C-alpha cells in the first residue's frame, strides 16, 4: 500500500523548488506560505481520515480496474513519479512533482496508448457533483491531472472514480479525459508565486478554504447583512426549534416508558373526553436498501443519476439554518 507523503505543498531540494502536483490548484497564498517555510497547522481530522481512506482503497481500485474493466498496467502496483519542469526563476529550478497510481489503459481503447491513471474514492455526493460538473468543477483535481498529463507528455489522462457507497467504479469515469489546463497556465501560476517570494510580497488570492494549513493568513470573509425583519423571524424560529427539540426528547422518553408496560402486537384503546385512541406496540418496518439498488443500476450501466426515469426534480426552495460546530454550541 502506498504511504502518505506528509511533506509540505512546496519544499526545496537543493537549488530546486518542488511544487506538489496535488497542491498547485489550491490558492496561491497557501503555495506562497509553504514556499516561504511558514509553520503549517495539522490537516483537520475529517480531511486526514478521507486521505487515509483513499490511500487504503487505491490497491483495491486498481485491482478492480484490472479484473473488472480490462485495464493493463505498466508498473503493477508501483506508483509512477511525474515531473513537470517549469524552468528557472532567479536561479532556482522550479518543478511540479507528483505520483500517479499507474500508467496504462483499457484494452478497448488502444488508440490512446498508455496514459496516467490516478484513481479517486468519492462518496455519493461528490460522485454526483463530479459527474455533473466535470473535471473543471473540482478545480484542484483539474490542475493536478493537467500537471500529470503535461509531465507525461500526453493530452489525455484517466481518473477512475470509485463510489464508496456502492463499492463500484463509475463506468462513465473510465473514459480518457483531455488535459483541461495548458502548460503555460501552470507555469504562469507557479512563477507568480516565485515572483512574490523574490519581491517579499504576499499573493492577494485567498478563498479561505476549509482544511488550509495556514488559516492565520486568511482574509476575513464578507458577511451578508441580514435584514432586520428576517432577523426577528429567525430568532423566533431558532427558539421554536429549541422548544421542539425539548418536547421531542420528552416524547421519546415517555414512549420508551409506555412500551415497557404494554405487550407487543396487542391493540389497546384509550378513551378521552372527545376521542378514543388506538395504541399498539409494533416492530419498526424494514428499510429499502437504496445503496444496493444504486449498485445494481450502476452495474447494469444505467445512468440513474441523470436518467429522467429515476430523477424527481426538486420543487420550490428550502431554508437552511446551520448552527456552528464546537463545544460551546452543544
Protein backbone atom coordinates (compact mmCIF):
# COMPACT_ATOMS: atom_id res chain seq x y z
CA UNK A 1 0.00 0.00 0.00
CA UNK A 2 1.38 3.47 -0.87
CA UNK A 3 2.23 5.70 2.08
CA UNK A 4 1.02 9.24 2.65
CA UNK A 5 3.59 11.89 1.68
CA UNK A 6 3.46 14.40 4.52
CA UNK A 7 5.88 16.92 3.05
CA UNK A 8 4.54 20.48 2.64
CA UNK A 9 2.86 21.71 -0.54
CA UNK A 10 6.16 23.25 -1.65
CA UNK A 11 9.64 22.23 -0.49
CA UNK A 12 13.24 22.70 -1.56
CA UNK A 13 15.66 20.04 -2.74
CA UNK A 14 18.96 21.82 -3.04
CA UNK A 15 18.51 24.50 -5.70
CA UNK A 16 15.13 23.16 -6.85
CA UNK A 17 11.70 24.27 -5.64
CA UNK A 18 9.33 21.28 -5.74
CA UNK A 19 5.63 22.11 -6.02
CA UNK A 20 3.46 19.11 -5.24
CA UNK A 21 1.02 18.41 -8.08
CA UNK A 22 -1.80 17.76 -5.61
CA UNK A 23 -1.40 21.29 -4.20
CA UNK A 24 -0.97 23.55 -7.24
CA UNK A 25 -4.73 24.02 -7.71
CA UNK A 26 -5.18 25.43 -4.24
CA UNK A 27 -4.80 29.13 -3.52
CA UNK A 28 -1.50 30.78 -4.39
CA UNK A 29 -1.27 32.30 -0.92
CA UNK A 30 -1.11 28.79 0.53
CA UNK A 31 1.59 27.86 -2.00
CA UNK A 32 3.48 31.03 -1.10
CA UNK A 33 3.26 30.23 2.63
CA UNK A 34 4.61 26.72 2.07
CA UNK A 35 7.33 28.03 -0.22
CA UNK A 36 8.28 30.59 2.48
CA UNK A 37 8.68 27.82 5.06
CA UNK A 38 5.90 29.07 7.32
CA UNK A 39 4.54 26.80 10.04
CA UNK A 40 1.71 24.63 8.74
CA UNK A 41 -1.18 23.66 11.01
CA UNK A 42 -2.16 19.96 11.11
CA UNK A 43 -4.58 18.77 8.45
CA UNK A 44 -8.10 18.67 10.00
CA UNK A 45 -9.09 15.14 11.11
CA UNK A 46 -12.01 14.74 8.63
CA UNK A 47 -9.72 15.53 5.69
CA UNK A 48 -6.91 13.35 7.05
CA UNK A 49 -9.37 10.48 7.51
CA UNK A 50 -10.58 10.83 3.90
CA UNK A 51 -6.98 10.96 2.65
CA UNK A 52 -6.01 7.84 4.59
CA UNK A 53 -9.11 6.02 3.41
CA UNK A 54 -8.35 6.94 -0.21
CA UNK A 55 -4.79 5.66 0.17
CA UNK A 56 -6.02 2.36 1.62
CA UNK A 57 -8.50 1.92 -1.24
CA UNK A 58 -6.00 2.56 -4.07
CA UNK A 59 -4.81 -1.06 -4.47
CA UNK A 60 -8.41 -2.30 -4.30
CA UNK A 61 -9.49 0.13 -7.03
CA UNK A 62 -6.54 -0.79 -9.24
CA UNK A 63 -7.38 -4.49 -8.83
CA UNK A 64 -10.96 -3.76 -9.92
CA UNK A 65 -9.68 -1.88 -12.98
CA UNK A 66 -7.54 -4.89 -13.88
CA UNK A 67 -10.06 -7.68 -13.22
CA UNK A 68 -13.40 -6.00 -13.99
CA UNK A 69 -12.53 -3.38 -16.62
CA UNK A 70 -9.69 -4.96 -18.60
CA UNK A 71 -7.04 -2.35 -17.78
CA UNK A 72 -3.39 -3.20 -18.36
CA UNK A 73 -0.69 -1.57 -16.26
CA UNK A 74 2.94 -0.78 -16.82
CA UNK A 75 4.10 -0.69 -13.20
CA UNK A 76 1.98 -3.37 -11.50
CA UNK A 77 1.01 -1.57 -8.33
CA UNK A 78 4.03 0.74 -8.03
CA UNK A 79 3.30 4.44 -8.18
CA UNK A 80 4.93 6.31 -11.05
CA UNK A 81 6.58 9.68 -10.38
CA UNK A 82 5.81 12.53 -12.77
CA UNK A 83 7.87 15.71 -13.04
CA UNK A 84 6.94 18.83 -14.97
CA UNK A 85 9.91 21.17 -15.43
CA UNK A 86 8.80 24.82 -15.48
CA UNK A 87 12.25 26.34 -15.98
CA UNK A 88 14.13 28.62 -13.61
CA UNK A 89 13.36 31.81 -11.68
CA UNK A 90 16.13 33.85 -10.04
CA UNK A 91 18.47 30.90 -10.39
CA UNK A 92 16.01 28.46 -8.75
CA UNK A 93 14.84 25.48 -10.81
CA UNK A 94 11.06 25.11 -10.49
CA UNK A 95 9.38 21.70 -10.83
CA UNK A 96 5.89 20.29 -10.30
CA UNK A 97 6.14 16.75 -8.96
CA UNK A 98 3.66 14.06 -8.05
CA UNK A 99 2.92 10.37 -8.21
CA UNK A 100 0.17 8.70 -10.22
CA UNK A 101 -1.18 5.31 -9.26
CA UNK A 102 -0.35 3.64 -12.57
CA UNK A 103 0.41 4.06 -16.26
CA UNK A 104 -1.86 2.06 -18.52
CA UNK A 105 -5.10 1.80 -20.48
CA UNK A 106 -8.09 -0.50 -21.07
CA UNK A 107 -7.88 -2.97 -23.95
CA UNK A 108 -10.92 -1.29 -25.52
CA UNK A 109 -9.04 2.00 -26.06
CA UNK A 110 -5.68 1.15 -27.65
CA UNK A 111 -5.80 4.30 -29.78
CA UNK A 112 -4.89 6.49 -26.78
CA UNK A 113 -1.95 4.36 -25.68
CA UNK A 114 -0.85 4.17 -22.04
CA UNK A 115 -1.89 7.21 -20.01
CA UNK A 116 -1.51 8.32 -16.41
CA UNK A 117 -4.07 6.68 -14.09
CA UNK A 118 -4.91 8.45 -10.85
CA UNK A 119 -7.79 6.78 -9.01
CA UNK A 120 -10.12 8.61 -6.62
CA UNK A 121 -12.57 7.33 -3.99
CA UNK A 122 -15.67 9.53 -3.59
CA UNK A 123 -18.85 9.31 -1.55
CA UNK A 124 -22.12 9.57 -3.46
CA UNK A 125 -22.43 13.35 -3.02
CA UNK A 126 -19.05 14.03 -4.55
CA UNK A 127 -19.66 11.41 -7.26
CA UNK A 128 -22.80 13.29 -8.28
CA UNK A 129 -21.04 16.66 -8.14
CA UNK A 130 -18.13 15.49 -10.27
CA UNK A 131 -20.38 13.75 -12.79
CA UNK A 132 -22.44 16.92 -13.17
CA UNK A 133 -19.60 19.46 -13.30
CA UNK A 134 -16.74 17.51 -14.88
CA UNK A 135 -13.05 17.81 -14.09
CA UNK A 136 -13.09 21.63 -14.05
CA UNK A 137 -15.82 21.51 -11.41
CA UNK A 138 -13.26 20.25 -8.87
CA UNK A 139 -10.54 22.76 -9.61
CA UNK A 140 -7.62 21.28 -7.66
CA UNK A 141 -8.03 17.97 -9.48
CA UNK A 142 -8.05 19.78 -12.82
CA UNK A 143 -4.68 21.39 -12.03
CA UNK A 144 -3.24 18.18 -10.57
CA UNK A 145 -4.20 15.96 -13.51
CA UNK A 146 -3.14 18.60 -16.05
CA UNK A 147 0.34 18.65 -14.49
CA UNK A 148 0.46 14.85 -14.76
CA UNK A 149 -0.64 14.94 -18.39
CA UNK A 150 1.91 17.54 -19.42
CA UNK A 151 4.62 15.87 -17.35
CA UNK A 152 3.95 12.54 -19.07
CA UNK A 153 3.70 14.22 -22.47
CA UNK A 154 0.11 13.18 -23.24
CA UNK A 155 -3.05 15.14 -23.98
CA UNK A 156 -5.29 12.75 -22.04
CA UNK A 157 -5.38 11.02 -18.65
CA UNK A 158 -7.56 8.59 -16.70
CA UNK A 159 -9.15 9.46 -13.36
CA UNK A 160 -11.40 6.49 -12.46
CA UNK A 161 -13.89 7.16 -9.67
CA UNK A 162 -14.63 4.50 -7.05
CA UNK A 163 -18.01 5.05 -5.38
CA UNK A 164 -17.54 4.33 -1.67
CA UNK A 165 -21.30 3.99 -1.17
CA UNK A 166 -21.85 1.35 -3.86
CA UNK A 167 -18.43 -0.33 -3.84
CA UNK A 168 -18.20 0.01 -7.63
CA UNK A 169 -16.20 2.04 -10.12
CA UNK A 170 -18.39 4.51 -12.02
CA UNK A 171 -18.40 3.33 -15.68
CA UNK A 172 -18.59 6.86 -17.08
CA UNK A 173 -15.33 7.72 -15.25
CA UNK A 174 -13.36 5.19 -17.30
CA UNK A 175 -13.25 7.45 -20.36
CA UNK A 176 -9.98 9.29 -21.08
CA UNK A 177 -10.14 12.98 -20.16
CA UNK A 178 -8.45 15.71 -22.19
CA UNK A 179 -5.98 17.80 -20.18
CA UNK A 180 -8.03 20.92 -19.32
CA UNK A 181 -5.28 23.37 -18.30
CA UNK A 182 -2.40 24.36 -20.55
CA UNK A 183 1.29 24.18 -19.70
CA UNK A 184 1.68 27.97 -19.88
CA UNK A 185 -1.20 28.43 -17.42
CA UNK A 186 0.51 26.13 -14.95
CA UNK A 187 3.85 27.83 -15.46
CA UNK A 188 2.34 31.30 -15.06
CA UNK A 189 0.58 30.31 -11.83
CA UNK A 190 3.67 28.83 -10.20
CA UNK A 191 6.09 31.50 -11.41
CA UNK A 192 3.77 34.15 -9.95
CA UNK A 193 4.37 32.55 -6.55
CA UNK A 194 8.13 32.59 -7.14
CA UNK A 195 7.90 36.28 -8.08
CA UNK A 196 6.11 37.05 -4.79
CA UNK A 197 8.87 35.18 -2.96
CA UNK A 198 11.52 37.25 -4.74
CA UNK A 199 9.68 40.53 -4.08
CA UNK A 200 8.79 39.79 -0.47
CA UNK A 201 5.07 40.23 -1.14
CA UNK A 202 2.06 38.02 -0.38
CA UNK A 203 -0.45 36.94 -3.07
CA UNK A 204 -3.91 38.50 -2.87
CA UNK A 205 -5.67 35.23 -3.71
CA UNK A 206 -7.32 33.82 -0.54
CA UNK A 207 -10.54 31.76 -0.76
CA UNK A 208 -10.10 30.73 2.92
CA UNK A 209 -10.55 27.06 2.05
CA UNK A 210 -11.51 24.63 4.81
CA UNK A 211 -8.52 22.43 5.52
CA UNK A 212 -5.93 25.05 4.57
CA UNK A 213 -2.90 24.58 6.80
CA UNK A 214 -2.28 28.33 7.02
CA UNK A 215 -5.60 29.68 8.40
CA UNK A 216 -3.79 32.50 10.21
CA UNK A 217 -3.20 34.09 6.77
CA UNK A 218 -6.87 34.02 5.73
CA UNK A 219 -8.72 37.19 4.86
CA UNK A 220 -11.94 37.87 6.72
CA UNK A 221 -14.87 36.50 4.72
CA UNK A 222 -17.52 39.13 3.93
CA UNK A 223 -20.82 38.51 5.70
CA UNK A 224 -24.07 39.48 4.02
CA UNK A 225 -26.20 41.92 6.02
CA UNK A 226 -29.30 40.22 7.41
CA UNK A 227 -32.48 42.35 7.05
CA UNK A 228 -33.95 43.24 10.44
CA UNK A 229 -37.38 41.79 9.58
CA UNK A 230 -35.77 38.45 8.71
CA UNK A 231 -33.58 38.55 11.83
CA UNK A 232 -36.61 38.80 14.15
CA UNK A 233 -38.33 35.88 12.41
CA UNK A 234 -35.14 33.79 12.50
CA UNK A 235 -34.72 34.35 16.25
CA UNK A 236 -38.31 33.17 16.74
CA UNK A 237 -37.68 30.12 14.53
CA UNK A 238 -34.48 29.18 16.40
CA UNK A 239 -36.27 29.49 19.75
CA UNK A 240 -39.07 27.30 18.40
CA UNK A 241 -36.51 24.70 17.24
CA UNK A 242 -35.12 24.53 20.79
CA UNK A 243 -38.61 24.04 22.25
CA UNK A 244 -39.46 21.36 19.66
CA UNK A 245 -36.22 19.53 20.47
CA UNK A 246 -37.06 19.59 24.21
CA UNK A 247 -40.60 18.33 23.61
CA UNK A 248 -39.39 15.64 21.17
CA UNK A 249 -36.90 14.34 23.74
CA UNK A 250 -39.65 14.28 26.38
CA UNK A 251 -41.96 12.42 23.98
CA UNK A 252 -39.26 9.81 23.22
CA UNK A 253 -38.70 9.27 26.95
CA UNK A 254 -42.44 8.74 27.52
CA UNK A 255 -42.66 6.38 24.52
CA UNK A 256 -39.91 4.17 25.97
CA UNK A 257 -41.58 4.09 29.38
CA UNK A 258 -45.01 3.24 27.88
CA UNK A 259 -43.66 0.46 25.62
CA UNK A 260 -42.19 -1.30 28.64
CA UNK A 261 -45.69 -1.62 30.13
CA UNK A 262 -47.50 -2.91 27.02
CA UNK A 263 -47.49 -6.24 25.17
CA UNK A 264 -46.25 -6.02 21.56
CA UNK A 265 -48.82 -6.50 18.77
CA UNK A 266 -51.79 -6.16 21.14
CA UNK A 267 -54.31 -3.41 20.35
CA UNK A 268 -55.28 -1.18 23.29
CA UNK A 269 -57.78 1.67 23.47
CA UNK A 270 -57.55 4.93 25.35
CA UNK A 271 -60.80 6.86 25.72
CA UNK A 272 -60.65 10.59 26.42
CA UNK A 273 -63.46 13.16 26.65
CA UNK A 274 -63.70 13.67 22.89
CA UNK A 275 -61.89 10.80 21.15
CA UNK A 276 -60.74 7.20 21.57
CA UNK A 277 -57.11 6.45 20.63
CA UNK A 278 -55.82 3.10 19.37
CA UNK A 279 -52.47 2.12 20.91
CA UNK A 280 -50.18 -0.66 19.60
CA UNK A 281 -46.52 -1.55 20.05
CA UNK A 282 -45.17 -2.82 16.70
CA UNK A 283 -41.70 -3.55 15.29
CA UNK A 284 -40.02 -0.93 13.17
CA UNK A 285 -40.50 -1.70 9.44
CA UNK A 286 -37.61 -2.88 7.26
CA UNK A 287 -35.94 -0.23 5.14
CA UNK A 288 -35.29 -0.34 1.42
CA UNK A 289 -31.54 -0.68 0.70
CA UNK A 290 -31.05 2.24 -1.67
CA UNK A 291 -27.28 1.75 -1.89
CA UNK A 292 -27.74 -1.83 -3.10
CA UNK A 293 -30.26 -0.64 -5.69
CA UNK A 294 -27.86 2.03 -6.90
CA UNK A 295 -25.11 -0.57 -7.16
CA UNK A 296 -27.33 -2.84 -9.31
CA UNK A 297 -28.26 0.05 -11.61
CA UNK A 298 -24.64 1.12 -11.93
CA UNK A 299 -23.56 -2.46 -12.69
CA UNK A 300 -26.24 -2.58 -15.41
CA UNK A 301 -24.75 0.67 -16.82
CA UNK A 302 -27.96 2.60 -16.08
CA UNK A 303 -27.18 6.28 -15.58
CA UNK A 304 -29.63 6.66 -12.70
CA UNK A 305 -28.09 9.98 -11.61
CA UNK A 306 -29.20 11.71 -14.82
CA UNK A 307 -31.86 9.45 -16.36
CA UNK A 308 -35.24 11.27 -16.07
CA UNK A 309 -36.92 7.92 -15.29
CA UNK A 310 -35.03 7.86 -11.98
CA UNK A 311 -34.88 11.56 -11.10
CA UNK A 312 -37.65 13.59 -9.45
CA UNK A 313 -36.82 17.29 -9.97
CA UNK A 314 -36.78 19.41 -6.85
CA UNK A 315 -39.56 21.96 -6.46
CA UNK A 316 -39.55 25.21 -4.53
CA UNK A 317 -36.88 26.30 -2.07
CA UNK A 318 -35.88 25.48 1.49
CA UNK A 319 -34.43 27.48 4.35
CA UNK A 320 -31.22 26.11 5.86
CA UNK A 321 -30.18 27.40 9.28
CA UNK A 322 -26.86 25.90 10.41
CA UNK A 323 -25.57 26.04 13.96
CA UNK A 324 -21.75 26.44 14.16
CA UNK A 325 -19.79 23.48 15.48
CA UNK A 326 -17.94 23.49 18.77
CA UNK A 327 -18.30 22.63 22.43
CA UNK A 328 -19.89 25.99 23.16
CA UNK A 329 -22.78 25.14 20.85
CA UNK A 330 -23.64 21.71 22.23
